[in-house]
Each structure stands twice: as C-alpha cells, then as structure tokens.
Amino acid sequence: MATTADQSGRVALVTGANTGIGLEIARALAARHATVVLACRNTDSARRAALDITTSVPGADVRTVPLNLADLNSIAAAAASLCDTFPVIDLLINNAGVMASEPSRTVDGFESDFGTNFLGHFALTGRLIDVINAAPAARIVTVSSITHRRRTATLDFDDLHSHNGFDTALTYSRSKMAGMTFMIEMQRRLSVAGHSTISLAAHPGGVRTNILHNQNPLVRMVYNPRLARLTSWFTQSPADGARPVLRAALDPDAEGGDFFGPSGRGELVGPPVPVAISRRAQDPDSGRRLWDAAEEMTKVRFLNDGTHHLDADEPRTR
C-alpha cells in the first residue's frame, strides 16, 4: 500500500476540514504537496485550520471555500466558485457529517443527518462532476461508518426524513447507509459512462472527535481526548482515523467500490484494510431508487442521461 506518493499538481477538496478527521486528512494531503481546499461552514474556523496546516506543513498550498452542506444554495455557490477556480479537481473527500441529538431540519427542510451527510454531498458531487471527471484519475471518497451495517440501518423510502419518529443512533446510521448506497451506485454509473473517476469509501473507526459533542454524557466521556490513555484500546486519534480515508484516496491498488476501515479490535482502531460493505448498500434497485429520490429532492441531476446540474434557483422538492 503506497499512500505516501507525491501529490504535486493535484487538487484535493475536503469537506468539514476545519476539525477532527477532516483536518488531519487535509494536513496529510498538504504534506504530500497537493493543493488542498478546506470546504467548511464556519469561515473563521476554516481560516484557523488553514493556518494550522501551513504552520505544520511549511509551504503548503491551502485554500478555503464557504460550504454549508445543510443549505442547497450554499452548495451551489461553493461549487460555482470551485469550478471557476479549478479546471480539475482530482480528489473529492466527502467527509463532513453531523449526528443530531434531537429532531432538526436543514435550511431546505430535510432531516438534518440525511440532508447533511447524504443529500448535501450528493448535490456537491453532482455540481462538481464535470471538473472531477476532467481529471485523469480522479477519486470521490465517501467517509462512512460501520453503523451502516447495523440491522436497523435500512433505508425507509416512505420516510427518508424521519417524520414518523426520531432516534439519534438509528437516524445517523441510516444516513450513513444512504452514503454507502450512493457510493456504490455512483461507481456503477461512472463505469457505465466510461469515466476513469472511481468512487470509494472509508470509515475511521472509533475516533475522538467533536461529532459526538451533542450526545449523552457517557458517550462524550468515552470519546474525550483527555481520556485517550484509558480508552486507546477502542478509540484512536483523528490522525489515525484519517488513515483509512487516505488509503481510499491514494492507494494505487484501490478499485472503485472499495471500502476501507481499521483492522484492529471491532474495526475501531488499527491500520486500514479492506472491510465489509452491507449487502443492502450494494442492492442495485435500492441504489437507483435512492439516486432518483436524491435528484428529486436536490434538483441536481448527473451521471444518467447526460444532463448535469440544474441552476440553484430551480424549484425544490422538500
């Protein structure tokens, strides 16, 4: 596995790159001489992250772009700016994510986890697909979770937005199932269209990050970085959690549809290896149905009949 190859001349876009795993992914890519774009909701936090990276990696080429994945207009604006700036994007790391502790909605009325973790990245990918496919060997990496393999993580196409009931763990795992189903379906469509771009996924394991900051006190305590010495047998640092994502992004032997995760205890810690994907995420009928639903909700269409994204002011379905 060679993930240390020089990335000079390549452009990498990382969503949610201001903290945690996203920041460490961006730092590692900058250290390999890629031009790295931090796509973040909080612009001040993004600037601090960029300074953090350039301080630790002198000479790094780090840019920022405002991006709120819970707002389709913000996604459209970010994508337009990126397409104007970069003729090609070689790596898209769909990393940003939320885990709501109570029912909440995006700007466009979607359930927050589903709308941010899946629909936001679906819309962003669709609006960037032309500049991604313009790269000679582009990769789109979905950052997922082992929770997508839970028995209950089934896509309910009659209630994708959890109107009929909300449960933190269930809603989050279903959003990750949607992301994995999207990853597999996107690889199918890229292959059929004859593009060299490949779609892959990775999960970071049990990482001490702030995505759990709204969860119950016990969960927050277990994943508290200050307790790392006590929990290191089943939790790891953001830098270690970034390794499966970097393997998906950089391993020359990786193929479309691959999924990487930690090799250690319960896939929570350890070096990255190929890991199992839920059969449900690989179901072609489910993939097509989810893709159609996402296009209808976001009004972003790509990798089907040759029609790419619609304008941001097109009417939306909520």
Protein backbone atom coordinates (compact mmCIF):
# COMPACT_ATOMS: atom_id res chain seq x y z
CA MET A 1 0.00 0.00 0.00
CA ALA A 2 1.62 3.24 -1.15
CA THR A 3 -0.23 6.25 0.25
CA THR A 4 2.81 8.48 0.55
CA ALA A 5 3.14 9.26 -3.14
CA ASP A 6 3.75 12.88 -4.06
CA GLN A 7 0.53 14.69 -4.96
CA SER A 8 2.10 17.74 -6.59
CA GLY A 9 -0.15 19.31 -9.20
CA ARG A 10 -3.28 17.65 -7.83
CA VAL A 11 -6.23 19.42 -6.23
CA ALA A 12 -7.99 17.89 -3.23
CA LEU A 13 -11.28 19.17 -1.81
CA VAL A 14 -12.11 18.07 1.75
CA THR A 15 -15.47 18.89 3.30
CA GLY A 16 -15.61 19.53 7.03
CA ALA A 17 -11.86 20.04 7.09
CA ASN A 18 -11.71 22.55 9.94
CA THR A 19 -11.53 19.97 12.76
CA GLY A 20 -11.07 16.30 13.57
CA ILE A 21 -10.62 13.74 10.83
CA GLY A 22 -11.17 16.26 8.04
CA LEU A 23 -8.38 18.50 9.31
CA GLU A 24 -5.97 15.56 9.52
CA ILE A 25 -6.90 14.34 6.03
CA ALA A 26 -6.25 17.83 4.69
CA ARG A 27 -2.96 18.10 6.58
CA ALA A 28 -1.74 14.76 5.22
CA LEU A 29 -2.64 15.69 1.65
CA ALA A 30 -0.93 19.08 2.02
CA ALA A 31 2.18 17.30 3.32
CA ARG A 32 2.13 15.31 0.08
CA HIS A 33 2.14 18.62 -1.85
CA ALA A 34 -1.46 18.62 -3.07
CA THR A 35 -3.34 21.89 -3.34
CA VAL A 36 -5.90 21.40 -0.59
CA VAL A 37 -9.24 23.20 -0.36
CA LEU A 38 -10.98 23.24 3.00
CA ALA A 39 -14.74 23.38 2.45
CA CYS A 40 -16.29 24.42 5.74
CA ARG A 41 -19.43 26.02 7.10
CA ASN A 42 -17.60 28.27 9.57
CA THR A 43 -15.23 30.52 7.65
CA ASP A 44 -13.31 31.67 10.74
CA SER A 45 -12.72 28.07 11.77
CA ALA A 46 -11.63 27.26 8.23
CA ARG A 47 -9.07 30.06 8.27
CA ARG A 48 -7.70 28.84 11.60
CA ALA A 49 -7.46 25.31 10.21
CA ALA A 50 -5.62 26.59 7.13
CA LEU A 51 -3.15 28.43 9.39
CA ASP A 52 -2.73 25.30 11.50
CA ILE A 53 -1.85 23.28 8.39
CA THR A 54 0.52 25.83 6.89
CA THR A 55 2.26 26.16 10.25
CA SER A 56 2.81 22.41 10.50
CA VAL A 57 3.50 21.99 6.76
CA PRO A 58 5.57 24.98 5.62
CA GLY A 59 4.92 25.91 2.01
CA ALA A 60 1.58 24.09 1.89
CA ASP A 61 -0.94 25.39 -0.64
CA VAL A 62 -4.17 25.55 1.36
CA ARG A 63 -7.34 27.35 0.27
CA THR A 64 -10.79 27.70 1.83
CA VAL A 65 -14.31 27.88 0.46
CA PRO A 66 -17.51 28.52 2.45
CA LEU A 67 -19.79 25.48 2.32
CA ASN A 68 -22.87 24.67 4.35
CA LEU A 69 -23.98 21.18 3.36
CA ALA A 70 -27.32 21.80 5.05
CA ASP A 71 -28.17 24.52 2.51
CA LEU A 72 -28.56 23.77 -1.21
CA ASN A 73 -27.94 27.42 -2.14
CA SER A 74 -24.63 27.39 -0.25
CA ILE A 75 -23.66 24.18 -2.05
CA ALA A 76 -24.46 25.73 -5.42
CA ALA A 77 -22.44 28.86 -4.62
CA ALA A 78 -19.45 26.86 -3.38
CA ALA A 79 -19.49 24.60 -6.42
CA ALA A 80 -19.69 27.58 -8.80
CA SER A 81 -16.70 29.20 -7.10
CA LEU A 82 -14.70 25.98 -7.21
CA CYS A 83 -15.47 25.35 -10.88
CA ASP A 84 -14.39 28.90 -11.70
CA THR A 85 -11.13 28.45 -9.80
CA PHE A 86 -10.08 24.92 -10.69
CA PRO A 87 -10.25 23.35 -14.17
CA VAL A 88 -9.95 19.94 -12.48
CA ILE A 89 -10.46 18.51 -9.00
CA ASP A 90 -8.53 15.27 -8.53
CA LEU A 91 -9.81 14.25 -5.11
CA LEU A 92 -13.17 14.93 -3.51
CA ILE A 93 -13.31 13.78 0.10
CA ASN A 94 -16.94 13.86 1.27
CA ASN A 95 -16.07 13.91 4.97
CA ALA A 96 -18.30 16.42 6.77
CA GLY A 97 -21.04 14.99 8.93
CA VAL A 98 -23.47 15.64 11.75
CA MET A 99 -25.14 13.46 14.37
CA ALA A 100 -28.23 15.22 15.65
CA SER A 101 -29.29 14.57 19.24
CA GLU A 102 -32.87 15.67 18.58
CA PRO A 103 -35.11 16.18 15.54
CA SER A 104 -33.91 19.06 13.36
CA ARG A 105 -34.11 20.19 9.74
CA THR A 106 -31.77 21.65 7.16
CA VAL A 107 -32.40 25.01 5.51
CA ASP A 108 -34.32 23.17 2.79
CA GLY A 109 -36.48 21.18 5.19
CA PHE A 110 -34.65 17.84 5.09
CA GLU A 111 -33.94 15.81 8.23
CA SER A 112 -30.53 17.05 9.38
CA ASP A 113 -28.49 13.84 9.29
CA PHE A 114 -29.92 12.63 5.98
CA GLY A 115 -29.86 16.13 4.48
CA THR A 116 -26.29 16.96 5.51
CA ASN A 117 -24.47 13.64 5.49
CA PHE A 118 -26.03 12.35 2.27
CA LEU A 119 -28.08 14.89 0.28
CA GLY A 120 -25.56 17.69 0.77
CA HIS A 121 -22.71 15.56 -0.54
CA PHE A 122 -24.88 14.21 -3.34
CA ALA A 123 -25.61 17.77 -4.52
CA LEU A 124 -22.00 18.89 -4.14
CA THR A 125 -20.66 15.90 -6.07
CA GLY A 126 -23.19 16.42 -8.84
CA ARG A 127 -22.33 20.08 -9.24
CA LEU A 128 -18.59 19.29 -9.37
CA ILE A 129 -18.77 16.17 -11.52
CA ASP A 130 -17.53 17.83 -14.72
CA VAL A 131 -14.32 19.18 -13.17
CA ILE A 132 -13.82 15.88 -11.32
CA ASN A 133 -14.20 13.84 -14.49
CA ALA A 134 -11.81 16.24 -16.23
CA ALA A 135 -9.02 14.88 -14.02
CA PRO A 136 -7.14 11.89 -15.46
CA ALA A 137 -7.56 9.64 -12.40
CA ALA A 138 -9.97 11.31 -10.01
CA ARG A 139 -11.39 9.77 -6.87
CA ILE A 140 -14.52 10.52 -4.89
CA VAL A 141 -14.25 9.21 -1.33
CA THR A 142 -17.29 8.88 0.91
CA VAL A 143 -16.47 8.92 4.62
CA SER A 144 -18.87 6.40 6.11
CA SER A 145 -19.33 4.47 9.35
CA ILE A 146 -19.54 0.87 10.50
CA THR A 147 -23.03 1.80 11.70
CA HIS A 148 -24.26 1.45 8.12
CA ARG A 149 -24.02 -2.33 8.70
CA ARG A 150 -26.45 -2.32 11.61
CA ARG A 151 -29.52 -4.46 11.04
CA THR A 152 -31.75 -1.44 11.62
CA ALA A 153 -29.86 0.80 9.16
CA THR A 154 -32.41 0.17 6.43
CA LEU A 155 -33.48 2.91 4.05
CA ASP A 156 -37.17 3.64 4.60
CA PHE A 157 -38.17 5.13 1.26
CA ASP A 158 -41.56 6.05 2.70
CA ASP A 159 -39.93 8.11 5.46
CA LEU A 160 -36.41 9.18 4.48
CA HIS A 161 -36.71 12.28 6.68
CA SER A 162 -37.78 10.51 9.88
CA HIS A 163 -41.20 12.17 10.10
CA ASN A 164 -42.57 9.06 11.78
CA GLY A 165 -40.10 9.05 14.63
CA PHE A 166 -36.55 10.11 15.50
CA ASP A 167 -33.80 8.13 17.18
CA THR A 168 -30.27 9.52 17.26
CA ALA A 169 -28.37 6.32 16.53
CA LEU A 170 -30.90 4.99 14.03
CA THR A 171 -31.20 8.22 12.06
CA TYR A 172 -27.43 8.59 11.88
CA SER A 173 -26.86 5.00 10.78
CA ARG A 174 -29.49 5.36 8.07
CA SER A 175 -27.79 8.49 6.77
CA LYS A 176 -24.57 6.50 6.55
CA MET A 177 -26.39 3.68 4.76
CA ALA A 178 -27.58 6.28 2.26
CA GLY A 179 -24.00 7.46 1.77
CA MET A 180 -22.72 3.94 1.18
CA THR A 181 -25.56 3.14 -1.22
CA PHE A 182 -24.71 6.36 -3.06
CA MET A 183 -21.03 5.39 -3.23
CA ILE A 184 -21.80 2.02 -4.82
CA GLU A 185 -24.41 3.40 -7.23
CA MET A 186 -22.08 6.21 -8.28
CA GLN A 187 -19.36 3.68 -9.11
CA ARG A 188 -21.84 1.76 -11.27
CA ARG A 189 -22.76 4.90 -13.17
CA LEU A 190 -19.18 6.07 -13.59
CA SER A 191 -18.25 2.66 -15.02
CA VAL A 192 -21.19 2.58 -17.41
CA ALA A 193 -20.33 6.07 -18.64
CA GLY A 194 -16.71 5.05 -19.20
CA HIS A 195 -15.17 7.60 -16.83
CA SER A 196 -11.79 6.98 -15.20
CA THR A 197 -13.05 8.52 -11.96
CA ILE A 198 -13.68 5.98 -9.23
CA SER A 199 -15.92 6.07 -6.16
CA LEU A 200 -14.73 4.55 -2.88
CA ALA A 201 -15.47 4.78 0.84
CA ALA A 202 -13.75 4.51 4.20
CA HIS A 203 -14.68 4.64 7.84
CA PRO A 204 -12.39 5.99 10.57
CA GLY A 205 -13.28 3.64 13.41
CA GLY A 206 -13.74 4.89 16.96
CA VAL A 207 -12.28 8.36 16.74
CA ARG A 208 -12.14 11.01 19.41
CA THR A 209 -13.81 13.89 17.53
CA ASN A 210 -16.44 16.51 18.26
CA ILE A 211 -19.18 14.88 16.15
CA LEU A 212 -20.38 13.36 19.43
CA HIS A 213 -20.45 16.62 21.36
CA ASN A 214 -24.27 16.66 21.49
CA GLN A 215 -24.59 13.07 22.70
CA ASN A 216 -25.14 11.80 26.22
CA PRO A 217 -22.51 12.40 28.94
CA LEU A 218 -21.24 8.81 28.90
CA VAL A 219 -20.55 8.90 25.14
CA ARG A 220 -18.86 12.29 25.45
CA MET A 221 -16.70 10.98 28.30
CA VAL A 222 -15.62 7.84 26.42
CA TYR A 223 -14.52 9.84 23.39
CA ASN A 224 -12.96 12.68 25.34
CA PRO A 225 -9.38 13.24 24.06
CA ARG A 226 -8.26 13.84 27.65
CA LEU A 227 -9.06 10.22 28.45
CA ALA A 228 -7.13 8.81 25.49
CA ARG A 229 -4.79 6.76 27.69
CA LEU A 230 -7.76 4.97 29.25
CA THR A 231 -9.71 4.40 26.03
CA SER A 232 -6.94 3.82 23.48
CA TRP A 233 -7.79 0.12 23.22
CA PHE A 234 -11.02 1.04 21.39
CA THR A 235 -10.62 4.70 20.37
CA GLN A 236 -7.99 6.43 18.27
CA SER A 237 -6.85 9.91 17.35
CA PRO A 238 -8.19 11.89 14.39
CA ALA A 239 -4.82 11.42 12.65
CA ASP A 240 -5.16 7.65 12.96
CA GLY A 241 -8.83 7.86 11.94
CA ALA A 242 -7.77 9.66 8.78
CA ARG A 243 -5.63 6.74 7.60
CA PRO A 244 -8.45 4.64 6.04
CA VAL A 245 -9.65 7.70 4.14
CA LEU A 246 -6.15 8.42 2.90
CA ARG A 247 -5.81 4.84 1.74
CA ALA A 248 -9.06 5.15 -0.23
CA ALA A 249 -7.82 8.41 -1.71
CA LEU A 250 -4.22 7.43 -2.50
CA ASP A 251 -3.67 3.66 -2.64
CA PRO A 252 -2.79 2.94 -6.29
CA ASP A 253 -4.18 -0.58 -5.98
CA ALA A 254 -7.59 0.54 -4.70
CA GLU A 255 -10.55 -0.01 -7.01
CA GLY A 256 -13.95 1.58 -7.41
CA GLY A 257 -16.39 0.33 -4.80
CA ASP A 258 -13.68 -0.49 -2.24
CA PHE A 259 -14.32 0.23 1.43
CA PHE A 260 -11.51 0.68 3.97
CA GLY A 261 -11.53 0.70 7.75
CA PRO A 262 -9.31 -0.04 10.75
CA SER A 263 -8.02 -3.60 11.05
CA GLY A 264 -7.98 -3.83 14.82
CA ARG A 265 -10.47 -4.53 17.59
CA GLY A 266 -14.03 -4.28 16.24
CA GLU A 267 -12.78 -2.14 13.33
CA LEU A 268 -12.37 0.64 15.89
CA VAL A 269 -8.58 1.01 15.84
CA GLY A 270 -5.60 -0.07 13.78
CA PRO A 271 -4.08 0.25 10.30
CA PRO A 272 -6.51 0.46 7.35
CA VAL A 273 -7.60 -2.64 5.44
CA PRO A 274 -10.49 -3.52 3.10
CA VAL A 275 -13.63 -4.15 5.17
CA ALA A 276 -17.13 -5.44 4.50
CA ILE A 277 -19.97 -3.46 2.94
CA SER A 278 -23.57 -4.17 3.85
CA ARG A 279 -25.37 -6.19 1.19
CA ARG A 280 -28.21 -3.69 1.37
CA ALA A 281 -25.88 -0.89 0.26
CA GLN A 282 -24.96 -2.97 -2.79
CA ASP A 283 -28.51 -3.62 -3.96
CA PRO A 284 -28.89 -2.08 -7.45
CA ASP A 285 -32.62 -1.44 -7.07
CA SER A 286 -32.08 0.40 -3.82
CA GLY A 287 -29.24 2.38 -5.38
CA ARG A 288 -31.34 3.51 -8.32
CA ARG A 289 -34.29 4.35 -6.11
CA LEU A 290 -32.16 6.41 -3.72
CA TRP A 291 -30.46 8.22 -6.62
CA ASP A 292 -33.83 9.14 -8.14
CA ALA A 293 -35.09 10.38 -4.77
CA ALA A 294 -31.95 12.48 -4.22
CA GLU A 295 -32.25 14.05 -7.67
CA GLU A 296 -35.86 14.95 -6.99
CA MET A 297 -35.07 16.46 -3.60
CA THR A 298 -31.95 18.42 -4.61
CA LYS A 299 -32.79 19.14 -8.27
CA VAL A 300 -29.22 18.11 -9.09
CA ARG A 301 -29.03 15.52 -11.86
CA PHE A 302 -25.87 13.80 -13.07
CA LEU A 303 -24.45 10.54 -14.40
CA ASN A 304 -27.71 9.48 -16.03
CA ASP A 305 -28.92 10.95 -19.31
CA GLY A 306 -26.06 13.37 -19.86
CA THR A 307 -27.86 16.19 -18.05
CA HIS A 308 -25.81 17.73 -15.28
CA HIS A 309 -26.82 20.09 -12.51
CA LEU A 310 -29.76 22.49 -12.64
CA ASP A 311 -29.49 26.10 -11.56
CA ALA A 312 -29.69 26.82 -7.85
CA ASP A 313 -32.89 28.85 -8.23
CA GLU A 314 -34.83 25.93 -9.68
CA PRO A 315 -37.79 24.96 -7.50
CA ARG A 316 -37.03 22.28 -4.92
CA THR A 317 -38.96 19.35 -3.54
CA ARG A 318 -38.95 19.08 0.25
